[in-house]
N, C-alpha and C. Protein backbone atom coordinates (compact mmCIF):
# COMPACT_ATOMS: atom_id res chain seq x y z
N UNK A 1 0.99 -1.03 -0.10
CA UNK A 1 0.02 -0.27 -0.05
C UNK A 1 0.94 0.95 0.14
N UNK A 2 0.62 2.21 -0.73
CA UNK A 2 1.36 3.38 -0.68
C UNK A 2 1.39 4.47 -0.09
N UNK A 3 1.41 5.54 -0.18
CA UNK A 3 0.54 6.70 0.87
C UNK A 3 0.36 7.25 -0.16
N UNK A 4 -0.91 8.16 -0.99
CA UNK A 4 -0.49 9.61 -1.48
C UNK A 4 0.39 10.82 -0.45
N UNK A 5 0.90 11.51 -1.56
CA UNK A 5 1.94 12.44 -1.55
C UNK A 5 0.89 13.47 -0.96
N UNK A 6 1.13 14.62 0.32
CA UNK A 6 0.48 16.14 -0.20
C UNK A 6 0.60 16.42 -1.28
N UNK A 7 -0.85 16.95 -1.49
CA UNK A 7 -0.71 18.29 -3.13
C UNK A 7 -0.39 19.43 -1.81
N UNK A 8 0.88 20.32 -3.30
CA UNK A 8 0.52 21.88 -2.53
C UNK A 8 -0.74 22.37 -3.37
N UNK A 9 -0.72 23.62 -2.67
CA UNK A 9 -1.78 24.11 -2.98
C UNK A 9 -1.15 24.59 -4.21
N UNK A 10 -2.05 25.19 -5.35
CA UNK A 10 -1.69 25.65 -6.48
C UNK A 10 -0.89 27.02 -6.65
N UNK A 11 -1.34 27.79 -5.65
CA UNK A 11 -0.97 28.90 -6.04
C UNK A 11 0.54 28.64 -4.46
N UNK A 12 1.02 27.73 -3.90
CA UNK A 12 2.39 27.79 -3.59
C UNK A 12 3.60 27.24 -4.68
N UNK A 13 4.25 28.36 -4.45
CA UNK A 13 5.42 28.35 -5.42
C UNK A 13 6.34 27.41 -4.89
N UNK A 14 7.46 26.58 -5.34
CA UNK A 14 8.59 25.37 -4.67
C UNK A 14 9.27 26.49 -4.17
N UNK A 15 10.02 26.15 -3.01
CA UNK A 15 11.43 27.41 -2.78
C UNK A 15 12.73 26.07 -3.43
N UNK A 16 14.11 27.51 -3.62
CA UNK A 16 15.02 26.94 -4.69
C UNK A 16 15.44 25.80 -3.73
N UNK A 17 15.27 25.31 -2.49
CA UNK A 17 16.04 23.96 -1.64
C UNK A 17 14.99 22.80 -2.43
N UNK A 18 14.14 22.97 -2.51
CA UNK A 18 13.01 22.44 -2.75
C UNK A 18 12.34 21.90 -4.46
N UNK A 19 13.23 22.77 -4.92
CA UNK A 19 13.83 22.31 -6.34
C UNK A 19 14.92 21.85 -6.65
N UNK A 20 15.86 21.98 -6.03
CA UNK A 20 17.52 21.50 -6.42
C UNK A 20 17.02 20.51 -5.54
N UNK A 21 16.11 19.64 -4.35
CA UNK A 21 16.00 18.48 -4.59
C UNK A 21 14.99 17.52 -5.36
N UNK A 22 14.38 18.12 -5.80
CA UNK A 22 13.16 17.28 -7.15
C UNK A 22 14.36 16.99 -8.07
N UNK A 23 15.81 17.84 -8.44
CA UNK A 23 16.34 18.38 -9.33
C UNK A 23 17.37 17.11 -9.17
N UNK A 24 17.85 17.16 -8.28
CA UNK A 24 19.29 16.16 -7.84
C UNK A 24 18.36 14.58 -7.24
N UNK A 25 17.37 14.72 -6.61
CA UNK A 25 16.51 12.81 -6.91
C UNK A 25 16.19 13.08 -8.31
N UNK A 26 16.29 13.18 -9.38
CA UNK A 26 15.62 12.77 -10.24
C UNK A 26 16.86 12.35 -11.49
N UNK A 27 18.14 13.09 -10.98
CA UNK A 27 19.37 12.26 -11.47
C UNK A 27 19.91 11.21 -10.88
N UNK A 28 19.56 11.68 -9.73
CA UNK A 28 19.84 9.98 -9.52
C UNK A 28 18.89 9.11 -9.49
N UNK A 29 17.89 8.85 -9.67
CA UNK A 29 17.26 7.85 -10.23
C UNK A 29 17.21 7.56 -11.33
N UNK A 30 17.79 8.29 -12.19
CA UNK A 30 18.26 8.16 -13.52
C UNK A 30 19.13 7.19 -13.44
N UNK A 31 20.41 8.13 -12.81
CA UNK A 31 21.61 7.50 -13.40
C UNK A 31 21.61 6.02 -12.25
N UNK A 32 20.88 5.97 -11.31
CA UNK A 32 20.92 4.47 -10.93
C UNK A 32 19.98 3.53 -11.57
N UNK A 33 19.26 3.68 -12.35
CA UNK A 33 18.50 2.99 -12.96
C UNK A 33 18.96 2.46 -14.56
N UNK A 34 20.49 3.65 -14.60
CA UNK A 34 20.64 3.34 -16.34
C UNK A 34 21.91 2.05 -15.53
N UNK A 35 22.62 2.48 -14.57
CA UNK A 35 23.72 1.96 -14.35
C UNK A 35 23.31 -0.15 -14.03
N UNK A 36 22.00 0.06 -13.43
CA UNK A 36 21.15 -1.03 -13.18
C UNK A 36 20.99 -1.86 -14.18
N UNK A 37 20.49 -0.85 -15.32
CA UNK A 37 20.67 -2.16 -16.47
C UNK A 37 21.79 -1.89 -17.17
N UNK A 38 22.76 -1.40 -16.95
CA UNK A 38 24.05 -1.84 -17.32
C UNK A 38 25.07 -3.05 -16.64
N UNK A 39 24.67 -3.21 -15.49
CA UNK A 39 25.17 -3.94 -14.70
C UNK A 39 25.19 -5.61 -15.20
N UNK A 40 24.66 -5.86 -15.77
CA UNK A 40 24.54 -7.12 -16.63
C UNK A 40 26.05 -6.95 -17.57
N UNK A 41 26.13 -5.69 -18.01
CA UNK A 41 27.48 -5.74 -19.15
C UNK A 41 28.90 -5.43 -18.03
N UNK A 42 28.64 -5.78 -16.66
CA UNK A 42 30.02 -5.56 -15.91
C UNK A 42 30.97 -3.92 -16.51
N UNK A 43 29.61 -3.29 -16.69
CA UNK A 43 30.18 -1.69 -16.87
C UNK A 43 29.79 -0.79 -15.30
N UNK A 44 30.98 -0.44 -14.73
CA UNK A 44 30.38 0.54 -13.79
C UNK A 44 29.94 2.05 -13.73
N UNK A 45 29.18 2.87 -12.70
CA UNK A 45 29.45 3.79 -13.19
C UNK A 45 30.20 4.84 -13.56
N UNK A 46 31.68 4.83 -12.83
CA UNK A 46 33.10 5.27 -13.56
C UNK A 46 33.46 5.27 -14.81
N UNK A 47 33.26 3.43 -15.00
CA UNK A 47 33.61 3.65 -16.28
C UNK A 47 32.75 3.84 -17.80
N UNK A 48 31.19 3.87 -17.37
CA UNK A 48 30.56 4.05 -18.10
C UNK A 48 30.64 6.21 -18.47
N UNK A 49 31.38 6.35 -17.46
CA UNK A 49 30.88 8.17 -17.39
C UNK A 49 32.70 8.00 -18.31
N UNK A 50 33.47 7.14 -18.27
CA UNK A 50 34.62 7.56 -18.74
C UNK A 50 34.77 7.12 -20.29
N UNK A 51 33.96 5.68 -20.54
CA UNK A 51 33.59 5.72 -22.29
C UNK A 51 32.91 7.06 -22.94
N UNK A 52 32.00 8.18 -21.90
CA UNK A 52 31.27 8.62 -22.54
C UNK A 52 32.11 9.64 -22.94
N UNK A 53 32.95 9.91 -21.80
CA UNK A 53 34.04 11.10 -22.29
C UNK A 53 34.68 11.06 -23.75
N UNK A 54 35.10 9.89 -23.17
CA UNK A 54 36.61 8.95 -24.88
C UNK A 54 35.25 9.45 -25.51
N UNK A 55 34.18 9.17 -25.81
CA UNK A 55 33.16 9.09 -27.39
C UNK A 55 33.11 10.23 -27.83
N UNK A 56 32.97 11.24 -26.43
CA UNK A 56 32.54 12.78 -27.01
C UNK A 56 33.92 13.17 -27.95
N UNK A 57 35.22 12.65 -27.57
CA UNK A 57 36.64 13.00 -28.16
C UNK A 57 36.69 12.56 -29.71
N UNK A 58 36.26 11.03 -29.58
CA UNK A 58 36.55 9.92 -31.06
C UNK A 58 35.47 10.15 -31.53
N UNK A 59 34.15 11.48 -31.52
CA UNK A 59 33.43 12.08 -32.55
C UNK A 59 33.63 13.14 -33.40
N UNK A 60 35.21 13.61 -32.77
CA UNK A 60 35.59 14.44 -32.81
C UNK A 60 36.52 14.35 -33.75
N UNK A 61 36.99 13.36 -33.59
CA UNK A 61 39.08 12.57 -34.01
C UNK A 61 39.66 12.90 -33.16
N UNK A 62 39.25 13.14 -32.01
CA UNK A 62 40.12 13.79 -30.70
C UNK A 62 40.94 12.23 -30.16
N UNK A 63 41.76 12.56 -29.83
CA UNK A 63 42.39 11.28 -28.10
C UNK A 63 42.48 12.18 -27.23
N UNK A 64 42.62 11.68 -25.95
CA UNK A 64 43.19 12.27 -24.97
C UNK A 64 43.74 11.71 -24.15
N UNK A 65 44.46 12.17 -22.98
CA UNK A 65 45.16 11.85 -22.37
C UNK A 65 44.90 11.51 -21.23
N UNK A 66 45.69 10.69 -20.21
CA UNK A 66 45.01 10.07 -19.32
C UNK A 66 45.07 10.74 -18.06
N UNK A 67 45.64 12.47 -17.96
CA UNK A 67 45.33 13.06 -17.18
C UNK A 67 44.31 13.89 -17.36
N UNK A 68 44.06 14.07 -18.85
CA UNK A 68 43.03 15.27 -19.02
C UNK A 68 42.12 14.18 -18.55
N UNK A 69 41.18 13.12 -18.98
CA UNK A 69 40.26 12.65 -18.14
C UNK A 69 40.36 12.26 -16.99
N UNK A 70 41.13 12.00 -16.27
CA UNK A 70 40.74 12.36 -15.52
C UNK A 70 40.22 13.87 -14.50
N UNK A 71 40.39 14.85 -15.61
CA UNK A 71 40.40 16.11 -14.95
C UNK A 71 38.88 15.58 -15.56
N UNK A 72 38.45 15.56 -16.38
CA UNK A 72 36.72 15.92 -16.73
C UNK A 72 36.13 14.90 -15.95
N UNK A 73 37.07 13.46 -15.87
CA UNK A 73 35.87 12.65 -14.36
C UNK A 73 35.81 13.48 -13.03
N UNK A 74 37.07 14.53 -12.85
CA UNK A 74 36.78 15.31 -11.44
C UNK A 74 37.49 13.63 -10.62
N UNK A 75 38.51 12.79 -11.38
CA UNK A 75 38.96 11.82 -9.87
C UNK A 75 40.65 12.20 -10.10
N UNK A 76 40.77 11.81 -9.29
CA UNK A 76 42.65 11.56 -9.17
C UNK A 76 42.70 10.41 -9.93
N UNK A 77 44.52 11.50 -10.59
CA UNK A 77 44.85 10.42 -12.10
C UNK A 77 44.82 9.14 -10.94
N UNK A 78 45.16 9.03 -10.19
CA UNK A 78 45.40 7.39 -9.66
C UNK A 78 44.15 6.70 -10.05
N UNK A 79 43.18 6.59 -9.75
CA UNK A 79 41.60 6.58 -9.70
C UNK A 79 41.08 6.27 -10.80
N UNK A 80 41.86 7.53 -12.05
CA UNK A 80 41.48 6.96 -13.59
C UNK A 80 42.34 6.09 -14.28
N UNK A 81 43.22 5.57 -13.38
CA UNK A 81 44.41 4.78 -13.93
C UNK A 81 43.40 2.84 -13.81
N UNK A 82 43.18 3.18 -13.11
CA UNK A 82 42.02 1.88 -11.99
C UNK A 82 40.90 1.77 -13.32
N UNK A 83 40.44 2.38 -13.56
CA UNK A 83 39.00 2.45 -14.49
C UNK A 83 39.96 2.22 -15.73
N UNK A 84 40.77 2.84 -16.64
CA UNK A 84 41.28 2.59 -17.73
C UNK A 84 41.87 0.91 -17.59
N UNK A 85 42.57 0.53 -16.52
CA UNK A 85 43.22 -0.56 -16.72
C UNK A 85 41.76 -1.46 -16.96
N UNK A 86 40.82 -1.41 -16.16
CA UNK A 86 39.91 -2.57 -16.68
C UNK A 86 38.77 -2.68 -17.78
N UNK A 87 38.70 -0.72 -18.48
CA UNK A 87 38.09 -0.84 -19.46
C UNK A 87 39.37 -1.61 -20.97
N UNK A 88 40.16 -1.36 -20.57
CA UNK A 88 41.29 -1.86 -21.39
C UNK A 88 41.66 -3.20 -21.39
N UNK A 89 41.16 -3.70 -19.68
CA UNK A 89 41.15 -5.59 -19.87
C UNK A 89 40.36 -5.83 -20.74
N UNK A 90 38.89 -5.63 -20.66
CA UNK A 90 37.47 -5.87 -21.08
C UNK A 90 37.22 -5.12 -22.47
N UNK A 91 38.26 -4.68 -22.67
CA UNK A 91 38.68 -4.90 -24.46
C UNK A 91 38.32 -3.45 -25.13
N UNK A 92 37.27 -2.77 -24.43
CA UNK A 92 36.85 -1.47 -24.88
C UNK A 92 37.24 0.08 -24.85
N UNK A 93 39.16 0.15 -24.65
CA UNK A 93 39.76 1.53 -24.60
C UNK A 93 40.90 0.82 -25.09
N UNK A 94 41.42 1.62 -25.82
CA UNK A 94 43.68 1.47 -26.00
C UNK A 94 44.37 2.85 -25.35
N UNK A 95 45.89 2.23 -24.96
CA UNK A 95 45.94 3.22 -24.84
C UNK A 95 47.49 3.18 -26.02
N UNK A 96 47.72 4.20 -26.36
CA UNK A 96 48.72 4.66 -27.59
C UNK A 96 50.04 5.60 -27.21
N UNK A 97 50.98 5.75 -27.56
CA UNK A 97 51.93 6.84 -27.15
C UNK A 97 51.58 7.86 -27.77
N UNK A 98 51.82 8.82 -26.95
CA UNK A 98 51.57 10.09 -27.47
C UNK A 98 52.96 10.19 -28.30
N UNK A 99 52.75 10.64 -29.92
CA UNK A 99 53.61 10.87 -30.95
C UNK A 99 54.18 12.32 -30.46
N UNK A 100 53.69 13.22 -29.61
CA UNK A 100 54.73 14.27 -29.52
C UNK A 100 54.72 15.02 -27.96
N UNK A 101 54.83 13.37 -27.64
CA UNK A 101 54.80 13.68 -25.95
C UNK A 101 55.43 12.27 -25.21
N UNK A 102 55.85 11.67 -25.74
CA UNK A 102 56.89 10.50 -25.24
C UNK A 102 55.85 9.12 -24.39
N UNK A 103 56.44 10.58 -22.88
CA UNK A 103 55.86 9.72 -21.68
C UNK A 103 54.52 10.05 -21.41
N UNK A 104 53.53 10.45 -22.27
CA UNK A 104 52.04 10.86 -22.12
C UNK A 104 51.59 10.02 -22.71
N UNK A 105 50.17 9.24 -21.96
CA UNK A 105 49.74 8.02 -22.87
C UNK A 105 48.28 8.89 -23.54
N UNK A 106 48.40 8.58 -24.88
CA UNK A 106 46.60 8.67 -25.38
C UNK A 106 45.53 7.20 -25.33
N UNK A 107 43.86 7.84 -25.01
CA UNK A 107 43.46 6.78 -24.68
C UNK A 107 41.98 6.99 -26.52
N UNK A 108 41.86 6.15 -26.86
CA UNK A 108 40.75 6.06 -27.80
C UNK A 108 39.93 4.75 -26.77
N UNK A 109 39.01 4.73 -27.90
CA UNK A 109 37.77 3.98 -27.33
C UNK A 109 37.66 2.89 -28.91
N UNK A 110 37.67 1.30 -28.73
CA UNK A 110 38.20 0.32 -29.27
C UNK A 110 36.62 0.21 -30.31
N UNK A 111 36.63 -1.12 -31.15
CA UNK A 111 35.02 -0.87 -31.92
C UNK A 111 34.12 -1.56 -30.54
N UNK A 112 35.13 -2.49 -30.07
CA UNK A 112 33.83 -2.92 -28.64
C UNK A 112 33.55 -1.63 -27.31
N UNK A 113 34.55 -0.75 -27.74
CA UNK A 113 33.92 -0.04 -26.19
C UNK A 113 33.12 1.06 -27.69
N UNK A 114 33.14 1.22 -29.22
CA UNK A 114 31.98 2.49 -28.87
C UNK A 114 30.76 1.44 -29.60
N UNK A 115 31.08 -0.32 -29.47
CA UNK A 115 29.09 -0.86 -29.40
C UNK A 115 28.69 0.03 -27.63
N UNK A 116 30.13 0.00 -26.83
CA UNK A 116 28.81 0.50 -25.44
C UNK A 116 28.39 1.16 -25.16
N UNK A 117 29.20 2.06 -25.92
CA UNK A 117 28.94 3.93 -25.79
C UNK A 117 27.42 3.53 -26.27
N UNK A 118 27.45 2.78 -27.85
CA UNK A 118 26.04 3.13 -28.32
C UNK A 118 24.85 2.52 -27.31
N UNK A 119 25.08 0.94 -26.23
CA UNK A 119 24.22 0.56 -25.42
C UNK A 119 23.89 1.60 -24.52
N UNK A 120 24.70 2.02 -24.24
CA UNK A 120 24.73 3.06 -22.91
C UNK A 120 23.64 4.07 -23.70
N UNK A 121 23.99 4.91 -24.53
CA UNK A 121 22.80 5.65 -25.16
C UNK A 121 21.80 5.32 -24.72
N UNK A 122 21.88 4.12 -25.68
CA UNK A 122 20.29 3.69 -25.72
C UNK A 122 19.30 3.39 -24.43
N UNK A 123 20.18 2.40 -23.96
CA UNK A 123 19.57 2.49 -22.18
C UNK A 123 19.44 4.02 -21.07
N UNK A 124 20.13 4.90 -21.59
CA UNK A 124 19.86 6.55 -21.09
C UNK A 124 18.79 6.82 -21.71
N UNK A 125 18.28 6.46 -22.90
CA UNK A 125 17.08 7.25 -23.63
C UNK A 125 16.31 6.06 -23.24
N UNK A 126 16.30 5.13 -22.89
CA UNK A 126 14.81 4.38 -22.19
C UNK A 126 14.84 4.94 -21.45
N UNK A 127 15.82 5.03 -20.29
CA UNK A 127 15.07 5.41 -18.97
C UNK A 127 14.99 6.91 -18.96
N UNK A 128 15.44 7.40 -19.80
CA UNK A 128 14.96 9.05 -20.12
C UNK A 128 13.61 8.82 -20.29
N UNK A 129 13.29 8.42 -21.14
CA UNK A 129 12.17 8.46 -22.05
C UNK A 129 10.82 7.68 -20.86
N UNK A 130 11.26 6.99 -19.86
CA UNK A 130 10.81 6.54 -18.82
C UNK A 130 9.70 7.24 -17.79
N UNK A 131 10.90 7.96 -17.54
CA UNK A 131 11.00 9.09 -16.32
C UNK A 131 10.21 9.63 -16.77
N UNK A 132 10.78 10.53 -18.61
CA UNK A 132 9.85 11.93 -18.69
C UNK A 132 8.40 11.68 -18.70
N UNK A 133 8.13 10.31 -19.24
CA UNK A 133 6.80 10.44 -19.93
C UNK A 133 5.84 10.49 -19.76
N UNK A 134 5.48 10.85 -18.72
CA UNK A 134 4.99 11.66 -18.09
C UNK A 134 4.33 12.89 -18.46
N UNK A 135 5.60 13.65 -19.13
CA UNK A 135 5.30 15.42 -19.63
C UNK A 135 4.91 15.36 -20.60
N UNK A 136 4.47 16.21 -21.36
CA UNK A 136 4.46 16.35 -22.93
C UNK A 136 5.43 17.10 -23.40
N UNK A 137 5.56 17.07 -24.61
CA UNK A 137 6.76 17.55 -25.44
C UNK A 137 7.33 18.40 -25.09
N UNK A 138 6.09 19.45 -25.29
CA UNK A 138 6.02 20.60 -24.91
C UNK A 138 6.72 21.32 -22.89
N UNK A 139 5.95 20.46 -22.46
CA UNK A 139 6.86 20.73 -21.08
C UNK A 139 7.90 19.81 -20.30
N UNK A 140 8.65 19.05 -21.84
CA UNK A 140 9.62 18.85 -21.85
C UNK A 140 10.14 19.78 -21.85
N UNK A 141 10.30 20.23 -23.58
CA UNK A 141 11.13 21.75 -23.91
C UNK A 141 11.24 22.68 -23.21
N UNK A 142 9.75 23.07 -22.11
CA UNK A 142 10.59 23.84 -21.12
C UNK A 142 10.72 24.07 -20.05
N UNK A 143 10.99 22.83 -19.56
CA UNK A 143 11.61 22.40 -18.48
C UNK A 143 13.11 22.06 -18.23
N UNK A 144 13.12 21.69 -20.28
CA UNK A 144 15.07 21.55 -20.59
C UNK A 144 15.38 23.27 -20.55
N UNK A 145 14.84 23.88 -21.05
CA UNK A 145 15.07 25.45 -21.17
C UNK A 145 15.06 26.36 -20.11
N UNK A 146 14.44 26.17 -18.98
CA UNK A 146 14.09 27.01 -18.20
C UNK A 146 15.76 25.69 -17.00
N UNK A 147 15.82 24.85 -17.18
CA UNK A 147 17.27 24.21 -16.54
C UNK A 147 18.43 25.24 -17.51
N UNK A 148 18.23 25.04 -18.31
CA UNK A 148 19.94 25.63 -19.60
C UNK A 148 19.63 26.94 -19.15
N UNK A 149 18.24 27.71 -18.53
CA UNK A 149 18.54 29.14 -18.45
C UNK A 149 19.10 28.92 -16.44
N UNK A 150 19.16 28.33 -16.56
CA UNK A 150 19.49 28.33 -14.58
C UNK A 150 20.64 27.72 -14.75
N UNK A 151 21.10 27.01 -15.43
CA UNK A 151 23.18 26.95 -15.49
C UNK A 151 23.36 27.70 -16.17
N UNK A 152 22.91 28.40 -17.39
CA UNK A 152 24.06 29.31 -17.66
C UNK A 152 23.96 30.68 -17.04
N UNK A 153 22.73 31.32 -16.01
CA UNK A 153 23.11 32.11 -15.24
C UNK A 153 24.01 32.01 -13.95
N UNK A 154 23.65 30.79 -13.58
CA UNK A 154 24.35 30.14 -12.87
C UNK A 154 25.99 30.12 -13.01
N UNK A 155 26.65 29.57 -14.09
CA UNK A 155 27.89 29.88 -14.82
C UNK A 155 28.67 30.94 -15.18
N UNK A 156 27.95 31.66 -15.44
CA UNK A 156 28.26 33.58 -15.33
C UNK A 156 28.83 34.09 -14.31
N UNK A 157 27.68 33.71 -13.70
CA UNK A 157 28.12 34.15 -11.99
C UNK A 157 28.60 33.35 -10.99
N UNK A 158 29.32 31.92 -11.55
CA UNK A 158 30.44 31.63 -10.59
C UNK A 158 31.47 30.72 -11.52
N UNK A 159 31.74 31.55 -12.53
CA UNK A 159 32.59 30.73 -13.69
C UNK A 159 34.17 29.79 -13.70
N UNK A 160 34.13 29.94 -12.21
CA UNK A 160 35.36 28.39 -12.14
C UNK A 160 34.59 27.32 -11.33
N UNK A 161 33.28 27.06 -11.02
CA UNK A 161 32.90 26.25 -10.14
C UNK A 161 32.44 25.49 -10.50
N UNK A 162 34.04 24.47 -11.39
CA UNK A 162 33.29 23.26 -10.92
C UNK A 162 32.51 22.64 -12.70
N UNK A 163 32.38 24.07 -13.72
CA UNK A 163 31.42 23.67 -14.34
C UNK A 163 32.43 22.52 -15.61
N UNK A 164 31.41 21.73 -15.77
CA UNK A 164 32.27 20.46 -17.13
C UNK A 164 30.95 20.83 -18.05
N UNK A 165 31.12 21.13 -19.44
CA UNK A 165 30.13 20.65 -20.35
C UNK A 165 29.29 19.31 -20.71
N UNK A 166 28.18 19.54 -20.51
CA UNK A 166 27.25 18.68 -20.66
C UNK A 166 26.60 18.46 -22.40
N UNK A 167 26.56 19.95 -22.93
CA UNK A 167 26.01 20.41 -23.46
C UNK A 167 25.95 19.68 -24.68
N UNK A 168 24.98 19.54 -25.50
CA UNK A 168 25.45 18.82 -27.06
C UNK A 168 26.48 19.77 -28.57
N UNK A 169 26.07 20.26 -27.42
CA UNK A 169 26.93 21.54 -28.71
C UNK A 169 28.39 21.69 -27.89
N UNK A 170 28.48 21.44 -26.99
CA UNK A 170 30.31 21.63 -26.86
C UNK A 170 30.82 20.29 -27.40
N UNK A 171 32.00 21.31 -27.34
CA UNK A 171 33.15 20.11 -28.37
C UNK A 171 34.04 19.62 -27.36
N UNK A 172 34.23 18.55 -27.31
CA UNK A 172 35.60 17.57 -26.44
C UNK A 172 36.99 19.10 -27.19
N UNK A 173 37.17 19.02 -27.90
CA UNK A 173 38.07 19.86 -28.52
C UNK A 173 38.34 21.19 -28.89
N UNK A 174 37.40 21.62 -28.21
CA UNK A 174 36.82 22.45 -28.14
C UNK A 174 38.14 23.84 -27.73
N UNK A 175 38.96 23.24 -27.16
CA UNK A 175 40.16 23.77 -26.86
C UNK A 175 41.74 22.86 -27.18
N UNK A 176 42.02 23.09 -28.52
CA UNK A 176 42.49 22.07 -28.77
C UNK A 176 44.22 22.03 -28.20
N UNK A 177 44.60 22.84 -26.85
CA UNK A 177 45.74 22.14 -25.80
C UNK A 177 44.99 20.87 -25.18
N UNK A 178 43.49 20.85 -25.05
CA UNK A 178 43.36 19.49 -24.21
C UNK A 178 43.16 18.51 -25.37
N UNK A 179 43.18 18.20 -26.45
CA UNK A 179 43.32 17.34 -27.14
C UNK A 179 44.24 17.09 -28.38
N UNK A 180 44.54 16.40 -28.69
CA UNK A 180 45.95 15.58 -29.74
C UNK A 180 44.47 14.81 -30.62
N UNK A 181 44.62 14.91 -32.23
CA UNK A 181 44.27 14.70 -32.95
C UNK A 181 44.76 13.13 -33.26
N UNK A 182 44.14 12.49 -33.79
CA UNK A 182 44.45 10.83 -33.79
C UNK A 182 45.23 10.97 -34.76
N UNK A 183 46.38 10.32 -35.20
CA UNK A 183 47.28 10.31 -36.61
C UNK A 183 46.44 9.15 -37.57
């Protein structure tokens, strides 16, 4: 038996904390369900995020260094090494020596890695469709517009507070100093 949640009066606008909690809860639920559905493939959340970062670079013909992957994932370099070791063992990622700096290692997706990224994308799409299926296409568009407006305003007010682009129009290789073109 489930309890009905009390409905807020129509005139009561949610405060910022309530709204923030709802956004965080939505993200957490979708991430948890996405990675639950990926568990049969042996992919952890950290590995899935690493594959997606590498895929964005590959989409633009770029490979990234191990330390750049750590920065983008916001984890310690030794932790990213563990993630990449597991992905390499699974045949999803390959390491190559950077021809411009023989001390540096470049990372690239293998064909199997690209297929796994596609599977992750399908699962994320399924979960998002299930989660947002209760609201209309127009409402989804408005929600996205509002969240992007809030994000842009926050980024403008706090330009160095850990922004990491997820916007589909942002290119991983927008800063050529961060990426290397594949040879």
